[in-house]
C-alpha atoms as a PDB file:
ATOM      1  CA  MET A   1      60.148  71.439  55.423  1.00  0.00           C
ATOM      2  CA  TYR A   2      63.520  70.045  56.552  1.00  0.00           C
ATOM      3  CA  ALA A   3      65.020  70.874  53.147  1.00  0.00           C
ATOM      4  CA  ASN A   4      63.715  74.447  53.433  1.00  0.00           C
ATOM      5  CA  LEU A   5      65.311  74.851  56.887  1.00  0.00           C
ATOM      6  CA  LEU A   6      68.584  73.406  55.579  1.00  0.00           C
ATOM      7  CA  ALA A   7      68.572  75.823  52.628  1.00  0.00           C
ATOM      8  CA  ARG A   8      68.001  78.828  54.934  1.00  0.00           C
ATOM      9  CA  SER A   9      70.841  77.697  57.216  1.00  0.00           C
ATOM     10  CA  LEU A  10      73.158  77.364  54.218  1.00  0.00           C
ATOM     11  CA  VAL A  11      72.264  80.896  53.036  1.00  0.00           C
ATOM     12  CA  LEU A  12      72.914  82.345  56.514  1.00  0.00           C
ATOM     13  CA  PHE A  13      76.234  80.491  56.719  1.00  0.00           C
ATOM     14  CA  THR A  14      77.295  81.834  53.298  1.00  0.00           C
ATOM     15  CA  ILE A  15      76.368  85.413  54.217  1.00  0.00           C
ATOM     16  CA  THR A  16      78.274  85.132  57.508  1.00  0.00           C
ATOM     17  CA  LEU A  17      81.310  83.711  55.711  1.00  0.00           C
ATOM     18  CA  VAL A  18      81.313  86.481  53.067  1.00  0.00           C
ATOM     19  CA  PHE A  19      81.028  89.263  55.659  1.00  0.00           C
ATOM     20  CA  GLY A  20      83.740  87.591  57.721  1.00  0.00           C
ATOM     21  CA  LEU A  21      86.118  87.514  54.748  1.00  0.00           C
ATOM     22  CA  ILE A  22      85.386  91.164  53.985  1.00  0.00           C
ATOM     23  CA  TYR A  23      86.002  92.227  57.592  1.00  0.00           C
ATOM     24  CA  LEU A  24      89.104  90.066  58.159  1.00  0.00           C
ATOM     25  CA  PRO A  25      91.511  92.143  56.009  1.00  0.00           C
ATOM     26  CA  ALA A  26      90.404  95.316  57.813  1.00  0.00           C
ATOM     27  CA  SER A  27      91.095  93.652  61.162  1.00  0.00           C
ATOM     28  CA  ALA A  28      94.522  92.467  60.022  1.00  0.00           C
ATOM     29  CA  GLU A  29      95.308  95.995  58.813  1.00  0.00           C
ATOM     30  CA  GLU A  30      94.380  97.384  62.252  1.00  0.00           C
ATOM     31  CA  ILE A  31      96.684  94.877  63.926  1.00  0.00           C
ATOM     32  CA  ASN A  32      99.570  95.718  61.595  1.00  0.00           C
ATOM     33  CA  SER A  33      99.079  99.440  62.153  1.00  0.00           C
ATOM     34  CA  GLY A  34      99.666  99.005  65.893  1.00  0.00           C
ATOM     35  CA  HIS A  35      96.057  99.390  67.059  1.00  0.00           C
ATOM     36  CA  THR A  36      95.829  96.062  68.848  1.00  0.00           C
ATOM     37  CA  GLY A  37      93.996  97.151  71.980  1.00  0.00           C
ATOM     38  CA  GLU A  38      96.995  96.169  74.127  1.00  0.00           C
ATOM     39  CA  ILE A  39      97.652  98.161  77.260  1.00  0.00           C
ATOM     40  CA  SER A  40     100.685 100.397  77.040  1.00  0.00           C
ATOM     41  CA  TRP A  41     103.146 101.102  79.848  1.00  0.00           C
ATOM     42  CA  GLN A  42     104.241 104.426  78.409  1.00  0.00           C
ATOM     43  CA  ASP A  43     103.217 107.918  79.505  1.00  0.00           C
ATOM     44  CA  PRO A  44     102.479 107.314  83.217  1.00  0.00           C
ATOM     45  CA  GLY A  45      99.998 109.889  84.431  1.00  0.00           C
ATOM     46  CA  GLN A  46      98.658 110.333  80.907  1.00  0.00           C
ATOM     47  CA  ASN A  47      97.764 106.703  80.276  1.00  0.00           C
ATOM     48  CA  PRO A  48      94.850 105.549  82.423  1.00  0.00           C
ATOM     49  CA  HIS A  49      96.358 102.055  82.478  1.00  0.00           C
ATOM     50  CA  SER A  50      99.772 103.065  83.837  1.00  0.00           C
ATOM     51  CA  PHE A  51      98.737 101.942  87.344  1.00  0.00           C
ATOM     52  CA  ILE A  52      98.422  98.355  86.089  1.00  0.00           C
ATOM     53  CA  GLY A  53     101.088  96.059  87.513  1.00  0.00           C
ATOM     54  CA  THR A  54     102.319  94.589  90.778  1.00  0.00           C
ATOM     55  CA  TRP A  55     103.484  96.966  93.483  1.00  0.00           C
ATOM     56  CA  ILE A  56     105.677  96.464  96.565  1.00  0.00           C
ATOM     57  CA  VAL A  57     104.023  98.644  99.197  1.00  0.00           C
ATOM     58  CA  GLN A  58     104.876  99.993 102.672  1.00  0.00           C
ATOM     59  CA  THR A  59     101.709 100.840 104.606  1.00  0.00           C
ATOM     60  CA  GLN A  60     101.017 102.738 107.822  1.00  0.00           C
ATOM     61  CA  ILE A  61      97.618 102.613 109.549  1.00  0.00           C
ATOM     62  CA  THR A  62      96.672 105.368 112.026  1.00  0.00           C
ATOM     63  CA  ASN A  63      93.716 106.282 114.210  1.00  0.00           C
ATOM     64  CA  CYS A  64      93.178 109.352 111.950  1.00  0.00           C
ATOM     65  CA  SER A  65      94.603 111.598 114.695  1.00  0.00           C
ATOM     66  CA  GLY A  66      98.229 110.810 113.943  1.00  0.00           C
ATOM     67  CA  MET A  67      98.727 107.814 116.265  1.00  0.00           C
ATOM     68  CA  THR A  68     100.355 104.935 114.364  1.00  0.00           C
ATOM     69  CA  LEU A  69      98.576 101.634 114.961  1.00  0.00           C
ATOM     70  CA  GLN A  70     100.376  99.406 112.475  1.00  0.00           C
ATOM     71  CA  ASN A  71     103.186  99.379 109.892  1.00  0.00           C
ATOM     72  CA  PHE A  72     103.434  96.536 107.370  1.00  0.00           C
ATOM     73  CA  SER A  73     104.396  95.516 103.850  1.00  0.00           C
ATOM     74  CA  LYS A  74     102.074  94.255 101.162  1.00  0.00           C
ATOM     75  CA  LEU A  75     101.962  93.207  97.529  1.00  0.00           C
ATOM     76  CA  LEU A  76      99.283  94.906  95.457  1.00  0.00           C
ATOM     77  CA  SER A  77      98.284  93.697  91.995  1.00  0.00           C
ATOM     78  CA  ILE A  78      96.351  96.123  89.810  1.00  0.00           C
ATOM     79  CA  ASN A  79      94.830  94.302  86.840  1.00  0.00           C
ATOM     80  CA  ALA A  80      93.535  95.389  83.448  1.00  0.00           C
ATOM     81  CA  GLY A  81      89.752  95.425  83.604  1.00  0.00           C
ATOM     82  CA  GLY A  82      89.554  97.211  86.950  1.00  0.00           C
ATOM     83  CA  THR A  83      90.211  94.487  89.531  1.00  0.00           C
ATOM     84  CA  ALA A  84      92.808  94.372  92.305  1.00  0.00           C
ATOM     85  CA  GLN A  85      94.256  91.856  94.778  1.00  0.00           C
ATOM     86  CA  GLU A  86      96.404  92.443  97.826  1.00  0.00           C
ATOM     87  CA  VAL A  87      98.283  90.320 100.355  1.00  0.00           C
ATOM     88  CA  SER A  88     100.073  91.686 103.405  1.00  0.00           C
ATOM     89  CA  ASN A  89     102.177  90.630 106.348  1.00  0.00           C
ATOM     90  CA  SER A  90      99.994  92.615 108.773  1.00  0.00           C
ATOM     91  CA  LEU A  91      98.689  89.416 110.414  1.00  0.00           C
ATOM     92  CA  PRO A  92      99.342  85.691 110.140  1.00  0.00           C
ATOM     93  CA  PRO A  93      97.583  84.201 107.094  1.00  0.00           C
ATOM     94  CA  SER A  94      95.155  82.335 109.367  1.00  0.00           C
ATOM     95  CA  GLN A  95      93.887  85.677 110.705  1.00  0.00           C
ATOM     96  CA  ARG A  96      93.527  87.683 107.478  1.00  0.00           C
ATOM     97  CA  THR A  97      92.343  86.831 103.978  1.00  0.00           C
ATOM     98  CA  THR A  98      93.681  88.187 100.719  1.00  0.00           C
ATOM     99  CA  GLY A  99      92.125  91.537  99.871  1.00  0.00           C
ATOM    100  CA  PHE A 100      90.013  91.739  96.734  1.00  0.00           C
ATOM    101  CA  GLY A 101      88.829  94.921  95.100  1.00  0.00           C
ATOM    102  CA  VAL A 102      88.435  97.275  92.197  1.00  0.00           C
ATOM    103  CA  TRP A 103      90.259 100.331  90.867  1.00  0.00           C
ATOM    104  CA  GLN A 104      89.658 103.219  88.505  1.00  0.00           C
ATOM    105  CA  HIS A 105      91.511 106.126  86.932  1.00  0.00           C
ATOM    106  CA  SER A 106      90.431 109.521  88.312  1.00  0.00           C
ATOM    107  CA  ASP A 107      92.456 111.962  86.213  1.00  0.00           C
ATOM    108  CA  HIS A 108      96.045 112.507  85.060  1.00  0.00           C
ATOM    109  CA  ALA A 109      98.206 110.634  87.594  1.00  0.00           C
ATOM    110  CA  ASN A 110      95.385 109.990  90.092  1.00  0.00           C
ATOM    111  CA  PHE A 111      93.750 106.633  90.745  1.00  0.00           C
ATOM    112  CA  VAL A 112      91.470 105.119  93.362  1.00  0.00           C
ATOM    113  CA  TYR A 113      91.348 101.528  94.526  1.00  0.00           C
ATOM    114  CA  ALA A 114      89.047  99.894  97.064  1.00  0.00           C
ATOM    115  CA  LEU A 115      89.698  96.588  98.832  1.00  0.00           C
ATOM    116  CA  ARG A 116      87.837  94.288 101.192  1.00  0.00           C
ATOM    117  CA  PHE A 117      89.219  91.491 103.322  1.00  0.00           C
ATOM    118  CA  PHE A 118      88.155  89.399 106.307  1.00  0.00           C
ATOM    119  CA  ARG A 119      89.901  89.145 109.693  1.00  0.00           C
ATOM    120  CA  PHE A 120      89.717  86.287 112.193  1.00  0.00           C
ATOM    121  CA  THR A 121      90.682  85.824 115.838  1.00  0.00           C
ATOM    122  CA  PRO A 122      93.644  83.574 116.689  1.00  0.00           C
ATOM    123  CA  THR A 123      91.121  80.786 117.400  1.00  0.00           C
ATOM    124  CA  GLY A 124      89.600  81.143 113.917  1.00  0.00           C
ATOM    125  CA  THR A 125      86.382  83.003 114.770  1.00  0.00           C
ATOM    126  CA  PHE A 126      85.275  85.578 112.182  1.00  0.00           C
ATOM    127  CA  ALA A 127      86.090  88.997 113.672  1.00  0.00           C
ATOM    128  CA  SER A 128      85.543  91.714 111.041  1.00  0.00           C
ATOM    129  CA  THR A 129      85.354  92.839 107.453  1.00  0.00           C
ATOM    130  CA  ASN A 130      87.699  95.671 106.506  1.00  0.00           C
ATOM    131  CA  HIS A 131      86.866  98.131 103.728  1.00  0.00           C
ATOM    132  CA  ALA A 132      89.698 100.369 102.524  1.00  0.00           C
ATOM    133  CA  LYS A 133      89.553 103.102  99.883  1.00  0.00           C
ATOM    134  CA  TRP A 134      92.959 104.358  98.709  1.00  0.00           C
ATOM    135  CA  SER A 135      93.506 107.598  96.739  1.00  0.00           C
ATOM    136  CA  VAL A 136      96.707 107.164  94.720  1.00  0.00           C
ATOM    137  CA  VAL A 137      99.025 109.683  93.058  1.00  0.00           C
ATOM    138  CA  LEU A 138     101.613 108.222  90.676  1.00  0.00           C
ATOM    139  CA  ASP A 139     105.011 109.820  91.253  1.00  0.00           C
ATOM    140  CA  GLY A 140     106.411 108.811  87.878  1.00  0.00           C
ATOM    141  CA  ASP A 141     106.704 105.494  86.077  1.00  0.00           C
ATOM    142  CA  ASP A 142     107.433 103.278  89.022  1.00  0.00           C
ATOM    143  CA  SER A 143     106.281 104.765  92.348  1.00  0.00           C
ATOM    144  CA  TYR A 144     103.202 106.152  94.060  1.00  0.00           C
ATOM    145  CA  THR A 145     101.917 107.606  97.319  1.00  0.00           C
ATOM    146  CA  ALA A 146      98.412 107.079  98.669  1.00  0.00           C
ATOM    147  CA  GLU A 147      96.051 107.969 101.497  1.00  0.00           C
ATOM    148  CA  ALA A 148      93.174 105.839 102.741  1.00  0.00           C
ATOM    149  CA  THR A 149      89.976 105.797 104.681  1.00  0.00           C
ATOM    150  CA  ILE A 150      89.325 102.432 106.293  1.00  0.00           C
ATOM    151  CA  GLN A 151      86.251 101.000 107.985  1.00  0.00           C
ATOM    152  CA  VAL A 152      86.305  97.966 110.246  1.00  0.00           C
ATOM    153  CA  LEU A 153      82.880  96.291 110.343  1.00  0.00           C
ATOM    154  CA  LEU A 154      81.814  93.737 112.944  1.00  0.00           C
ATOM    155  CA  PRO A 155      80.180  90.494 111.764  1.00  0.00           C
ATOM    156  CA  ASP A 156      76.727  92.087 112.200  1.00  0.00           C
ATOM    157  CA  GLY A 157      77.738  94.964 109.861  1.00  0.00           C
ATOM    158  CA  THR A 158      78.080  97.728 112.453  1.00  0.00           C
ATOM    159  CA  VAL A 159      81.108 100.004 112.121  1.00  0.00           C
ATOM    160  CA  ALA A 160      83.580  99.226 114.913  1.00  0.00           C
ATOM    161  CA  MET A 161      86.326 101.659 113.841  1.00  0.00           C
ATOM    162  CA  ASN A 162      87.226 104.267 111.278  1.00  0.00           C
ATOM    163  CA  LEU A 163      90.937 104.330 110.487  1.00  0.00           C
ATOM    164  CA  CYS A 164      93.274 106.164 108.118  1.00  0.00           C
ATOM    165  CA  GLY A 165      96.282 105.026 106.161  1.00  0.00           C
ATOM    166  CA  THR A 166      99.217 106.175 104.094  1.00  0.00           C
ATOM    167  CA  GLU A 167     101.384 104.113 101.800  1.00  0.00           C
ATOM    168  CA  THR A 168     104.186 104.284  99.291  1.00  0.00           C
ATOM    169  CA  GLY A 169     104.459 101.814  96.447  1.00  0.00           C
ATOM    170  CA  THR A 170     107.226 100.814  94.072  1.00  0.00           C
ATOM    171  CA  ARG A 171     106.479  98.908  90.886  1.00  0.00           C
ATOM    172  CA  MET A 172     107.778  95.326  90.958  1.00  0.00           C
ATOM    173  CA  MET A 173     110.254  94.748  88.124  1.00  0.00           C
ATOM    174  CA  ILE A 174     112.051  91.728  86.741  1.00  0.00           C
ATOM    175  CA  PRO A 175     115.586  91.937  88.144  1.00  0.00           C
ATOM    176  CA  ASP A 176     118.522  92.365  85.754  1.00  0.00           C
END
């Protein structure tokens, strides 16, 4: 019985090896022809991955009636695979966590990203969860403008405030 199982395993291994050797040259040919699955930086607005990168961002938060509540800078990282991270100087680090989120391509030069982060009082008590949804328009290779709807939720989940935002972003580059 053990010999029979060993023989079957050897046959399966041989079949797998043969199919692997047949497929390998086709895979190498794809790689040499330039179809590697890598994300391209060319054709912003046409390439759904052109938003990927790290952005230096200036943000303005309003009460949605035009009254400015806050201006600050942030760094926004848009990652392949649809995830995003953001850090800002809007509050001391002890009062605001890094924002984590997701993004997607809408059409042409339009993208959407959504972030969530936690806020704390100066004494360290959990104060709120902020949800922000940003609608982005790429303005070329290396800049964008965006508008947001933002909800501030109390620890029990009730909505404390609805806010709006605008921002401009510039792609971070390696200096010359």
